[in-house]
Amino acid sequence: LLVSGVGWGFIPSHHIEQELASGTLKHI
């Protein structure tokens, strides 16, 4: 849901390492 842009939220960083690296998700 975060990747699809439904909203923002808290998530463990180890779950989204690739998304952060690719820019799919952005740390607020």
mmCIF file of all heavy atoms, coordinates in Angstrom:
data_MODEL
# 
_entry.id   MODEL 
# 
loop_
_atom_site.group_PDB 
_atom_site.id 
_atom_site.type_symbol 
_atom_site.label_atom_id 
_atom_site.label_alt_id 
_atom_site.label_comp_id 
_atom_site.label_asym_id 
_atom_site.label_entity_id 
_atom_site.label_seq_id 
_atom_site.pdbx_PDB_ins_code 
_atom_site.Cartn_x 
_atom_site.Cartn_y 
_atom_site.Cartn_z 
_atom_site.occupancy 
_atom_site.B_iso_or_equiv 
_atom_site.pdbx_formal_charge 
_atom_site.auth_seq_id 
_atom_site.auth_comp_id 
_atom_site.auth_asym_id 
_atom_site.auth_atom_id 
_atom_site.pdbx_PDB_model_num 
ATOM 1   N N   . LEU A 1 1  ? 0.825  -1.207 0.000  1.00 0.00 ? 1  LEU A N   1 
ATOM 2   C CA  . LEU A 1 1  ? 0.000  0.000  0.000  1.00 0.00 ? 1  LEU A CA  1 
ATOM 3   C C   . LEU A 1 1  ? 0.864  1.264  0.000  1.00 0.00 ? 1  LEU A C   1 
ATOM 4   O O   . LEU A 1 1  ? 0.528  2.264  -0.647 1.00 0.00 ? 1  LEU A O   1 
ATOM 5   C CB  . LEU A 1 1  ? -0.930 0.000  1.208  1.00 0.00 ? 1  LEU A CB  1 
ATOM 6   C CG  . LEU A 1 1  ? -2.039 -1.052 1.197  1.00 0.00 ? 1  LEU A CG  1 
ATOM 7   C CD1 . LEU A 1 1  ? -2.755 -1.096 2.539  1.00 0.00 ? 1  LEU A CD1 1 
ATOM 8   C CD2 . LEU A 1 1  ? -3.035 -0.772 0.078  1.00 0.00 ? 1  LEU A CD2 1 
ATOM 9   N N   . LEU A 1 2  ? 1.967  1.229  0.714  1.00 0.00 ? 2  LEU A N   1 
ATOM 10  C CA  . LEU A 1 2  ? 2.877  2.367  0.727  1.00 0.00 ? 2  LEU A CA  1 
ATOM 11  C C   . LEU A 1 2  ? 3.468  2.609  -0.662 1.00 0.00 ? 2  LEU A C   1 
ATOM 12  O O   . LEU A 1 2  ? 3.513  3.747  -1.139 1.00 0.00 ? 2  LEU A O   1 
ATOM 13  C CB  . LEU A 1 2  ? 4.001  2.137  1.740  1.00 0.00 ? 2  LEU A CB  1 
ATOM 14  C CG  . LEU A 1 2  ? 3.621  2.202  3.223  1.00 0.00 ? 2  LEU A CG  1 
ATOM 15  C CD1 . LEU A 1 2  ? 4.761  1.680  4.094  1.00 0.00 ? 2  LEU A CD1 1 
ATOM 16  C CD2 . LEU A 1 2  ? 3.250  3.625  3.627  1.00 0.00 ? 2  LEU A CD2 1 
ATOM 17  N N   . VAL A 1 3  ? 3.896  1.533  -1.302 1.00 0.00 ? 3  VAL A N   1 
ATOM 18  C CA  . VAL A 1 3  ? 4.484  1.647  -2.638 1.00 0.00 ? 3  VAL A CA  1 
ATOM 19  C C   . VAL A 1 3  ? 3.466  2.173  -3.646 1.00 0.00 ? 3  VAL A C   1 
ATOM 20  O O   . VAL A 1 3  ? 3.797  2.964  -4.538 1.00 0.00 ? 3  VAL A O   1 
ATOM 21  C CB  . VAL A 1 3  ? 5.055  0.288  -3.102 1.00 0.00 ? 3  VAL A CB  1 
ATOM 22  C CG1 . VAL A 1 3  ? 5.444  0.329  -4.571 1.00 0.00 ? 3  VAL A CG1 1 
ATOM 23  C CG2 . VAL A 1 3  ? 6.258  -0.106 -2.251 1.00 0.00 ? 3  VAL A CG2 1 
ATOM 24  N N   . SER A 1 4  ? 2.209  1.750  -3.499 1.00 0.00 ? 4  SER A N   1 
ATOM 25  C CA  . SER A 1 4  ? 1.169  2.167  -4.448 1.00 0.00 ? 4  SER A CA  1 
ATOM 26  C C   . SER A 1 4  ? 0.717  3.613  -4.234 1.00 0.00 ? 4  SER A C   1 
ATOM 27  O O   . SER A 1 4  ? -0.025 4.157  -5.050 1.00 0.00 ? 4  SER A O   1 
ATOM 28  C CB  . SER A 1 4  ? -0.040 1.239  -4.335 1.00 0.00 ? 4  SER A CB  1 
ATOM 29  O OG  . SER A 1 4  ? -0.687 1.389  -3.083 1.00 0.00 ? 4  SER A OG  1 
ATOM 30  N N   . GLY A 1 5  ? 1.144  4.229  -3.123 1.00 0.00 ? 5  GLY A N   1 
ATOM 31  C CA  . GLY A 1 5  ? 0.812  5.627  -2.888 1.00 0.00 ? 5  GLY A CA  1 
ATOM 32  C C   . GLY A 1 5  ? -0.506 5.864  -2.185 1.00 0.00 ? 5  GLY A C   1 
ATOM 33  O O   . GLY A 1 5  ? -1.068 6.958  -2.262 1.00 0.00 ? 5  GLY A O   1 
ATOM 34  N N   . VAL A 1 6  ? -1.003 4.846  -1.461 1.00 0.00 ? 6  VAL A N   1 
ATOM 35  C CA  . VAL A 1 6  ? -2.258 5.023  -0.721 1.00 0.00 ? 6  VAL A CA  1 
ATOM 36  C C   . VAL A 1 6  ? -2.082 6.016  0.420  1.00 0.00 ? 6  VAL A C   1 
ATOM 37  O O   . VAL A 1 6  ? -2.981 6.794  0.733  1.00 0.00 ? 6  VAL A O   1 
ATOM 38  C CB  . VAL A 1 6  ? -2.771 3.662  -0.185 1.00 0.00 ? 6  VAL A CB  1 
ATOM 39  C CG1 . VAL A 1 6  ? -3.967 3.857  0.740  1.00 0.00 ? 6  VAL A CG1 1 
ATOM 40  C CG2 . VAL A 1 6  ? -3.139 2.742  -1.342 1.00 0.00 ? 6  VAL A CG2 1 
ATOM 41  N N   . GLY A 1 7  ? -0.929 5.994  1.058  1.00 0.00 ? 7  GLY A N   1 
ATOM 42  C CA  . GLY A 1 7  ? -0.679 6.885  2.181  1.00 0.00 ? 7  GLY A CA  1 
ATOM 43  C C   . GLY A 1 7  ? 0.752  6.731  2.672  1.00 0.00 ? 7  GLY A C   1 
ATOM 44  O O   . GLY A 1 7  ? 1.548  6.004  2.075  1.00 0.00 ? 7  GLY A O   1 
ATOM 45  N N   . TRP A 1 8  ? 1.083  7.397  3.767  1.00 0.00 ? 8  TRP A N   1 
ATOM 46  C CA  . TRP A 1 8  ? 2.391  7.271  4.384  1.00 0.00 ? 8  TRP A CA  1 
ATOM 47  C C   . TRP A 1 8  ? 2.270  6.381  5.618  1.00 0.00 ? 8  TRP A C   1 
ATOM 48  O O   . TRP A 1 8  ? 1.168  6.149  6.128  1.00 0.00 ? 8  TRP A O   1 
ATOM 49  C CB  . TRP A 1 8  ? 2.944  8.644  4.788  1.00 0.00 ? 8  TRP A CB  1 
ATOM 50  C CG  . TRP A 1 8  ? 2.193  9.287  5.931  1.00 0.00 ? 8  TRP A CG  1 
ATOM 51  C CD1 . TRP A 1 8  ? 1.073  10.055 5.846  1.00 0.00 ? 8  TRP A CD1 1 
ATOM 52  C CD2 . TRP A 1 8  ? 2.497  9.193  7.325  1.00 0.00 ? 8  TRP A CD2 1 
ATOM 53  N NE1 . TRP A 1 8  ? 0.650  10.453 7.086  1.00 0.00 ? 8  TRP A NE1 1 
ATOM 54  C CE2 . TRP A 1 8  ? 1.510  9.940  8.020  1.00 0.00 ? 8  TRP A CE2 1 
ATOM 55  C CE3 . TRP A 1 8  ? 3.504  8.559  8.057  1.00 0.00 ? 8  TRP A CE3 1 
ATOM 56  C CZ2 . TRP A 1 8  ? 1.511  10.063 9.405  1.00 0.00 ? 8  TRP A CZ2 1 
ATOM 57  C CZ3 . TRP A 1 8  ? 3.499  8.685  9.443  1.00 0.00 ? 8  TRP A CZ3 1 
ATOM 58  C CH2 . TRP A 1 8  ? 2.515  9.418  10.108 1.00 0.00 ? 8  TRP A CH2 1 
ATOM 59  N N   . GLY A 1 9  ? 3.380  5.865  6.112  1.00 0.00 ? 9  GLY A N   1 
ATOM 60  C CA  . GLY A 1 9  ? 3.309  5.023  7.302  1.00 0.00 ? 9  GLY A CA  1 
ATOM 61  C C   . GLY A 1 9  ? 4.672  4.614  7.802  1.00 0.00 ? 9  GLY A C   1 
ATOM 62  O O   . GLY A 1 9  ? 5.695  4.832  7.141  1.00 0.00 ? 9  GLY A O   1 
ATOM 63  N N   . PHE A 1 10 ? 4.685  4.031  8.990  1.00 0.00 ? 10 PHE A N   1 
ATOM 64  C CA  . PHE A 1 10 ? 5.904  3.499  9.595  1.00 0.00 ? 10 PHE A CA  1 
ATOM 65  C C   . PHE A 1 10 ? 6.090  2.045  9.178  1.00 0.00 ? 10 PHE A C   1 
ATOM 66  O O   . PHE A 1 10 ? 5.133  1.257  9.184  1.00 0.00 ? 10 PHE A O   1 
ATOM 67  C CB  . PHE A 1 10 ? 5.817  3.564  11.124 1.00 0.00 ? 10 PHE A CB  1 
ATOM 68  C CG  . PHE A 1 10 ? 6.025  4.946  11.675 1.00 0.00 ? 10 PHE A CG  1 
ATOM 69  C CD1 . PHE A 1 10 ? 4.950  5.799  11.888 1.00 0.00 ? 10 PHE A CD1 1 
ATOM 70  C CD2 . PHE A 1 10 ? 7.304  5.391  11.979 1.00 0.00 ? 10 PHE A CD2 1 
ATOM 71  C CE1 . PHE A 1 10 ? 5.142  7.073  12.403 1.00 0.00 ? 10 PHE A CE1 1 
ATOM 72  C CE2 . PHE A 1 10 ? 7.508  6.662  12.497 1.00 0.00 ? 10 PHE A CE2 1 
ATOM 73  C CZ  . PHE A 1 10 ? 6.426  7.504  12.710 1.00 0.00 ? 10 PHE A CZ  1 
ATOM 74  N N   . ILE A 1 11 ? 7.318  1.676  8.871  1.00 0.00 ? 11 ILE A N   1 
ATOM 75  C CA  . ILE A 1 11 ? 7.619  0.301  8.481  1.00 0.00 ? 11 ILE A CA  1 
ATOM 76  C C   . ILE A 1 11 ? 9.076  0.012  8.830  1.00 0.00 ? 11 ILE A C   1 
ATOM 77  O O   . ILE A 1 11 ? 9.926  0.921  8.779  1.00 0.00 ? 11 ILE A O   1 
ATOM 78  C CB  . ILE A 1 11 ? 7.361  0.091  6.960  1.00 0.00 ? 11 ILE A CB  1 
ATOM 79  C CG1 . ILE A 1 11 ? 7.418  -1.396 6.597  1.00 0.00 ? 11 ILE A CG1 1 
ATOM 80  C CG2 . ILE A 1 11 ? 8.319  0.912  6.110  1.00 0.00 ? 11 ILE A CG2 1 
ATOM 81  C CD1 . ILE A 1 11 ? 6.896  -1.704 5.197  1.00 0.00 ? 11 ILE A CD1 1 
ATOM 82  N N   . PRO A 1 12 ? 9.406  -1.222 9.214  1.00 0.00 ? 12 PRO A N   1 
ATOM 83  C CA  . PRO A 1 12 ? 10.804 -1.560 9.493  1.00 0.00 ? 12 PRO A CA  1 
ATOM 84  C C   . PRO A 1 12 ? 11.676 -1.314 8.255  1.00 0.00 ? 12 PRO A C   1 
ATOM 85  O O   . PRO A 1 12 ? 11.304 -1.697 7.144  1.00 0.00 ? 12 PRO A O   1 
ATOM 86  C CB  . PRO A 1 12 ? 10.746 -3.045 9.848  1.00 0.00 ? 12 PRO A CB  1 
ATOM 87  C CG  . PRO A 1 12 ? 9.362  -3.254 10.367 1.00 0.00 ? 12 PRO A CG  1 
ATOM 88  C CD  . PRO A 1 12 ? 8.504  -2.344 9.553  1.00 0.00 ? 12 PRO A CD  1 
ATOM 89  N N   . SER A 1 13 ? 12.811 -0.692 8.454  1.00 0.00 ? 13 SER A N   1 
ATOM 90  C CA  . SER A 1 13 ? 13.673 -0.310 7.330  1.00 0.00 ? 13 SER A CA  1 
ATOM 91  C C   . SER A 1 13 ? 14.199 -1.517 6.565  1.00 0.00 ? 13 SER A C   1 
ATOM 92  O O   . SER A 1 13 ? 14.442 -1.430 5.359  1.00 0.00 ? 13 SER A O   1 
ATOM 93  C CB  . SER A 1 13 ? 14.835 0.549  7.826  1.00 0.00 ? 13 SER A CB  1 
ATOM 94  O OG  . SER A 1 13 ? 15.592 -0.139 8.819  1.00 0.00 ? 13 SER A OG  1 
ATOM 95  N N   . HIS A 1 14 ? 14.377 -2.676 7.244  1.00 0.00 ? 14 HIS A N   1 
ATOM 96  C CA  . HIS A 1 14 ? 14.908 -3.840 6.528  1.00 0.00 ? 14 HIS A CA  1 
ATOM 97  C C   . HIS A 1 14 ? 13.907 -4.420 5.530  1.00 0.00 ? 14 HIS A C   1 
ATOM 98  O O   . HIS A 1 14 ? 14.279 -5.198 4.662  1.00 0.00 ? 14 HIS A O   1 
ATOM 99  C CB  . HIS A 1 14 ? 15.344 -4.925 7.519  1.00 0.00 ? 14 HIS A CB  1 
ATOM 100 C CG  . HIS A 1 14 ? 14.234 -5.497 8.348  1.00 0.00 ? 14 HIS A CG  1 
ATOM 101 N ND1 . HIS A 1 14 ? 13.886 -4.980 9.575  1.00 0.00 ? 14 HIS A ND1 1 
ATOM 102 C CD2 . HIS A 1 14 ? 13.384 -6.540 8.133  1.00 0.00 ? 14 HIS A CD2 1 
ATOM 103 C CE1 . HIS A 1 14 ? 12.882 -5.679 10.078 1.00 0.00 ? 14 HIS A CE1 1 
ATOM 104 N NE2 . HIS A 1 14 ? 12.555 -6.622 9.219  1.00 0.00 ? 14 HIS A NE2 1 
ATOM 105 N N   . HIS A 1 15 ? 12.627 -4.056 5.661  1.00 0.00 ? 15 HIS A N   1 
ATOM 106 C CA  . HIS A 1 15 ? 11.613 -4.520 4.716  1.00 0.00 ? 15 HIS A CA  1 
ATOM 107 C C   . HIS A 1 15 ? 11.632 -3.734 3.403  1.00 0.00 ? 15 HIS A C   1 
ATOM 108 O O   . HIS A 1 15 ? 11.063 -4.189 2.403  1.00 0.00 ? 15 HIS A O   1 
ATOM 109 C CB  . HIS A 1 15 ? 10.215 -4.399 5.330  1.00 0.00 ? 15 HIS A CB  1 
ATOM 110 C CG  . HIS A 1 15 ? 9.845  -5.526 6.233  1.00 0.00 ? 15 HIS A CG  1 
ATOM 111 N ND1 . HIS A 1 15 ? 10.100 -6.848 5.937  1.00 0.00 ? 15 HIS A ND1 1 
ATOM 112 C CD2 . HIS A 1 15 ? 9.213  -5.551 7.440  1.00 0.00 ? 15 HIS A CD2 1 
ATOM 113 C CE1 . HIS A 1 15 ? 9.666  -7.619 6.914  1.00 0.00 ? 15 HIS A CE1 1 
ATOM 114 N NE2 . HIS A 1 15 ? 9.131  -6.849 7.836  1.00 0.00 ? 15 HIS A NE2 1 
ATOM 115 N N   . ILE A 1 16 ? 12.242 -2.560 3.406  1.00 0.00 ? 16 ILE A N   1 
ATOM 116 C CA  . ILE A 1 16 ? 12.124 -1.679 2.244  1.00 0.00 ? 16 ILE A CA  1 
ATOM 117 C C   . ILE A 1 16 ? 13.481 -1.188 1.752  1.00 0.00 ? 16 ILE A C   1 
ATOM 118 O O   . ILE A 1 16 ? 13.575 -0.108 1.156  1.00 0.00 ? 16 ILE A O   1 
ATOM 119 C CB  . ILE A 1 16 ? 11.216 -0.466 2.576  1.00 0.00 ? 16 ILE A CB  1 
ATOM 120 C CG1 . ILE A 1 16 ? 11.714 0.247  3.838  1.00 0.00 ? 16 ILE A CG1 1 
ATOM 121 C CG2 . ILE A 1 16 ? 9.766  -0.893 2.727  1.00 0.00 ? 16 ILE A CG2 1 
ATOM 122 C CD1 . ILE A 1 16 ? 11.076 1.594  4.070  1.00 0.00 ? 16 ILE A CD1 1 
ATOM 123 N N   . GLU A 1 17 ? 14.524 -1.960 1.953  1.00 0.00 ? 17 GLU A N   1 
ATOM 124 C CA  . GLU A 1 17 ? 15.861 -1.526 1.535  1.00 0.00 ? 17 GLU A CA  1 
ATOM 125 C C   . GLU A 1 17 ? 15.916 -1.269 0.030  1.00 0.00 ? 17 GLU A C   1 
ATOM 126 O O   . GLU A 1 17 ? 16.485 -0.274 -0.427 1.00 0.00 ? 17 GLU A O   1 
ATOM 127 C CB  . GLU A 1 17 ? 16.899 -2.583 1.951  1.00 0.00 ? 17 GLU A CB  1 
ATOM 128 C CG  . GLU A 1 17 ? 17.115 -2.662 3.456  1.00 0.00 ? 17 GLU A CG  1 
ATOM 129 C CD  . GLU A 1 17 ? 18.077 -3.771 3.836  1.00 0.00 ? 17 GLU A CD  1 
ATOM 130 O OE1 . GLU A 1 17 ? 18.412 -4.588 2.947  1.00 0.00 ? 17 GLU A OE1 1 
ATOM 131 O OE2 . GLU A 1 17 ? 18.492 -3.820 5.012  1.00 0.00 ? 17 GLU A OE2 1 
ATOM 132 N N   . GLN A 1 18 ? 15.347 -2.182 -0.754 1.00 0.00 ? 18 GLN A N   1 
ATOM 133 C CA  . GLN A 1 18 ? 15.373 -2.019 -2.217 1.00 0.00 ? 18 GLN A CA  1 
ATOM 134 C C   . GLN A 1 18 ? 14.538 -0.828 -2.665 1.00 0.00 ? 18 GLN A C   1 
ATOM 135 O O   . GLN A 1 18 ? 14.934 -0.090 -3.567 1.00 0.00 ? 18 GLN A O   1 
ATOM 136 C CB  . GLN A 1 18 ? 14.869 -3.296 -2.900 1.00 0.00 ? 18 GLN A CB  1 
ATOM 137 C CG  . GLN A 1 18 ? 15.788 -4.491 -2.710 1.00 0.00 ? 18 GLN A CG  1 
ATOM 138 C CD  . GLN A 1 18 ? 15.291 -5.715 -3.455 1.00 0.00 ? 18 GLN A CD  1 
ATOM 139 O OE1 . GLN A 1 18 ? 14.239 -5.703 -4.100 1.00 0.00 ? 18 GLN A OE1 1 
ATOM 140 N NE2 . GLN A 1 18 ? 16.052 -6.793 -3.375 1.00 0.00 ? 18 GLN A NE2 1 
ATOM 141 N N   . GLU A 1 19 ? 13.396 -0.636 -2.024 1.00 0.00 ? 19 GLU A N   1 
ATOM 142 C CA  . GLU A 1 19 ? 12.510 0.474  -2.394 1.00 0.00 ? 19 GLU A CA  1 
ATOM 143 C C   . GLU A 1 19 ? 13.154 1.825  -2.081 1.00 0.00 ? 19 GLU A C   1 
ATOM 144 O O   . GLU A 1 19 ? 13.014 2.780  -2.846 1.00 0.00 ? 19 GLU A O   1 
ATOM 145 C CB  . GLU A 1 19 ? 11.174 0.340  -1.671 1.00 0.00 ? 19 GLU A CB  1 
ATOM 146 C CG  . GLU A 1 19 ? 10.270 -0.763 -2.192 1.00 0.00 ? 19 GLU A CG  1 
ATOM 147 C CD  . GLU A 1 19 ? 10.734 -2.156 -1.789 1.00 0.00 ? 19 GLU A CD  1 
ATOM 148 O OE1 . GLU A 1 19 ? 11.561 -2.260 -0.848 1.00 0.00 ? 19 GLU A OE1 1 
ATOM 149 O OE2 . GLU A 1 19 ? 10.267 -3.137 -2.402 1.00 0.00 ? 19 GLU A OE2 1 
ATOM 150 N N   . LEU A 1 20 ? 13.862 1.887  -0.956 1.00 0.00 ? 20 LEU A N   1 
ATOM 151 C CA  . LEU A 1 20 ? 14.554 3.126  -0.618 1.00 0.00 ? 20 LEU A CA  1 
ATOM 152 C C   . LEU A 1 20 ? 15.699 3.395  -1.594 1.00 0.00 ? 20 LEU A C   1 
ATOM 153 O O   . LEU A 1 20 ? 15.937 4.532  -2.005 1.00 0.00 ? 20 LEU A O   1 
ATOM 154 C CB  . LEU A 1 20 ? 15.092 3.057  0.815  1.00 0.00 ? 20 LEU A CB  1 
ATOM 155 C CG  . LEU A 1 20 ? 14.057 3.115  1.946  1.00 0.00 ? 20 LEU A CG  1 
ATOM 156 C CD1 . LEU A 1 20 ? 14.735 2.868  3.282  1.00 0.00 ? 20 LEU A CD1 1 
ATOM 157 C CD2 . LEU A 1 20 ? 13.324 4.454  1.962  1.00 0.00 ? 20 LEU A CD2 1 
ATOM 158 N N   . ALA A 1 21 ? 16.410 2.325  -1.973 1.00 0.00 ? 21 ALA A N   1 
ATOM 159 C CA  . ALA A 1 21 ? 17.536 2.474  -2.897 1.00 0.00 ? 21 ALA A CA  1 
ATOM 160 C C   . ALA A 1 21 ? 17.073 2.905  -4.289 1.00 0.00 ? 21 ALA A C   1 
ATOM 161 O O   . ALA A 1 21 ? 17.736 3.704  -4.958 1.00 0.00 ? 21 ALA A O   1 
ATOM 162 C CB  . ALA A 1 21 ? 18.316 1.168  -2.979 1.00 0.00 ? 21 ALA A CB  1 
ATOM 163 N N   . SER A 1 22 ? 15.931 2.371  -4.715 1.00 0.00 ? 22 SER A N   1 
ATOM 164 C CA  . SER A 1 22 ? 15.423 2.682  -6.059 1.00 0.00 ? 22 SER A CA  1 
ATOM 165 C C   . SER A 1 22 ? 14.616 3.967  -6.111 1.00 0.00 ? 22 SER A C   1 
ATOM 166 O O   . SER A 1 22 ? 14.313 4.475  -7.194 1.00 0.00 ? 22 SER A O   1 
ATOM 167 C CB  . SER A 1 22 ? 14.556 1.529  -6.568 1.00 0.00 ? 22 SER A CB  1 
ATOM 168 O OG  . SER A 1 22 ? 13.373 1.397  -5.783 1.00 0.00 ? 22 SER A OG  1 
ATOM 169 N N   . GLY A 1 23 ? 14.239 4.497  -4.948 1.00 0.00 ? 23 GLY A N   1 
ATOM 170 C CA  . GLY A 1 23 ? 13.427 5.704  -4.902 1.00 0.00 ? 23 GLY A CA  1 
ATOM 171 C C   . GLY A 1 23 ? 11.938 5.455  -4.972 1.00 0.00 ? 23 GLY A C   1 
ATOM 172 O O   . GLY A 1 23 ? 11.145 6.399  -5.031 1.00 0.00 ? 23 GLY A O   1 
ATOM 173 N N   . THR A 1 24 ? 11.535 4.171  -4.940 1.00 0.00 ? 24 THR A N   1 
ATOM 174 C CA  . THR A 1 24 ? 10.104 3.834  -4.940 1.00 0.00 ? 24 THR A CA  1 
ATOM 175 C C   . THR A 1 24 ? 9.428  4.350  -3.679 1.00 0.00 ? 24 THR A C   1 
ATOM 176 O O   . THR A 1 24 ? 8.264  4.750  -3.705 1.00 0.00 ? 24 THR A O   1 
ATOM 177 C CB  . THR A 1 24 ? 9.902  2.312  -5.052 1.00 0.00 ? 24 THR A CB  1 
ATOM 178 O OG1 . THR A 1 24 ? 10.648 1.819  -6.163 1.00 0.00 ? 24 THR A OG1 1 
ATOM 179 C CG2 . THR A 1 24 ? 8.429  1.974  -5.242 1.00 0.00 ? 24 THR A CG2 1 
ATOM 180 N N   . LEU A 1 25 ? 10.170 4.308  -2.562 1.00 0.00 ? 25 LEU A N   1 
ATOM 181 C CA  . LEU A 1 25 ? 9.707  4.903  -1.311 1.00 0.00 ? 25 LEU A CA  1 
ATOM 182 C C   . LEU A 1 25 ? 10.754 5.899  -0.824 1.00 0.00 ? 25 LEU A C   1 
ATOM 183 O O   . LEU A 1 25 ? 11.956 5.725  -1.062 1.00 0.00 ? 25 LEU A O   1 
ATOM 184 C CB  . LEU A 1 25 ? 9.465  3.826  -0.245 1.00 0.00 ? 25 LEU A CB  1 
ATOM 185 C CG  . LEU A 1 25 ? 8.257  2.915  -0.443 1.00 0.00 ? 25 LEU A CG  1 
ATOM 186 C CD1 . LEU A 1 25 ? 8.238  1.825  0.618  1.00 0.00 ? 25 LEU A CD1 1 
ATOM 187 C CD2 . LEU A 1 25 ? 6.958  3.711  -0.402 1.00 0.00 ? 25 LEU A CD2 1 
ATOM 188 N N   . LYS A 1 26 ? 10.285 6.902  -0.103 1.00 0.00 ? 26 LYS A N   1 
ATOM 189 C CA  . LYS A 1 26 ? 11.170 7.943  0.388  1.00 0.00 ? 26 LYS A CA  1 
ATOM 190 C C   . LYS A 1 26 ? 11.020 8.082  1.897  1.00 0.00 ? 26 LYS A C   1 
ATOM 191 O O   . LYS A 1 26 ? 9.910  8.113  2.418  1.00 0.00 ? 26 LYS A O   1 
ATOM 192 C CB  . LYS A 1 26 ? 10.827 9.272  -0.301 1.00 0.00 ? 26 LYS A CB  1 
ATOM 193 C CG  . LYS A 1 26 ? 11.699 10.438 0.122  1.00 0.00 ? 26 LYS A CG  1 
ATOM 194 C CD  . LYS A 1 26 ? 11.282 11.714 -0.581 1.00 0.00 ? 26 LYS A CD  1 
ATOM 195 C CE  . LYS A 1 26 ? 12.128 12.898 -0.122 1.00 0.00 ? 26 LYS A CE  1 
ATOM 196 N NZ  . LYS A 1 26 ? 11.690 14.158 -0.778 1.00 0.00 ? 26 LYS A NZ  1 
ATOM 197 N N   . HIS A 1 27 ? 12.150 8.143  2.586  1.00 0.00 ? 27 HIS A N   1 
ATOM 198 C CA  . HIS A 1 27 ? 12.147 8.358  4.036  1.00 0.00 ? 27 HIS A CA  1 
ATOM 199 C C   . HIS A 1 27 ? 11.684 9.785  4.321  1.00 0.00 ? 27 HIS A C   1 
ATOM 200 O O   . HIS A 1 27 ? 12.201 10.748 3.756  1.00 0.00 ? 27 HIS A O   1 
ATOM 201 C CB  . HIS A 1 27 ? 13.541 8.125  4.598  1.00 0.00 ? 27 HIS A CB  1 
ATOM 202 C CG  . HIS A 1 27 ? 13.632 8.342  6.068  1.00 0.00 ? 27 HIS A CG  1 
ATOM 203 N ND1 . HIS A 1 27 ? 14.786 8.722  6.698  1.00 0.00 ? 27 HIS A ND1 1 
ATOM 204 C CD2 . HIS A 1 27 ? 12.687 8.248  7.057  1.00 0.00 ? 27 HIS A CD2 1 
ATOM 205 C CE1 . HIS A 1 27 ? 14.581 8.855  7.994  1.00 0.00 ? 27 HIS A CE1 1 
ATOM 206 N NE2 . HIS A 1 27 ? 13.311 8.570  8.239  1.00 0.00 ? 27 HIS A NE2 1 
ATOM 207 N N   . ILE A 1 28 ? 10.703 9.924  5.192  1.00 0.00 ? 28 ILE A N   1 
ATOM 208 C CA  . ILE A 1 28 ? 10.170 11.249 5.537  1.00 0.00 ? 28 ILE A CA  1 
ATOM 209 C C   . ILE A 1 28 ? 11.061 11.878 6.612  1.00 0.00 ? 28 ILE A C   1 
ATOM 210 O O   . ILE A 1 28 ? 11.193 11.357 7.714  1.00 0.00 ? 28 ILE A O   1 
ATOM 211 C CB  . ILE A 1 28 ? 8.719  11.140 6.060  1.00 0.00 ? 28 ILE A CB  1 
ATOM 212 C CG1 . ILE A 1 28 ? 7.814  10.518 4.991  1.00 0.00 ? 28 ILE A CG1 1 
ATOM 213 C CG2 . ILE A 1 28 ? 8.197  12.511 6.459  1.00 0.00 ? 28 ILE A CG2 1 
ATOM 214 C CD1 . ILE A 1 28 ? 6.421  10.179 5.498  1.00 0.00 ? 28 ILE A CD1 1 
# 
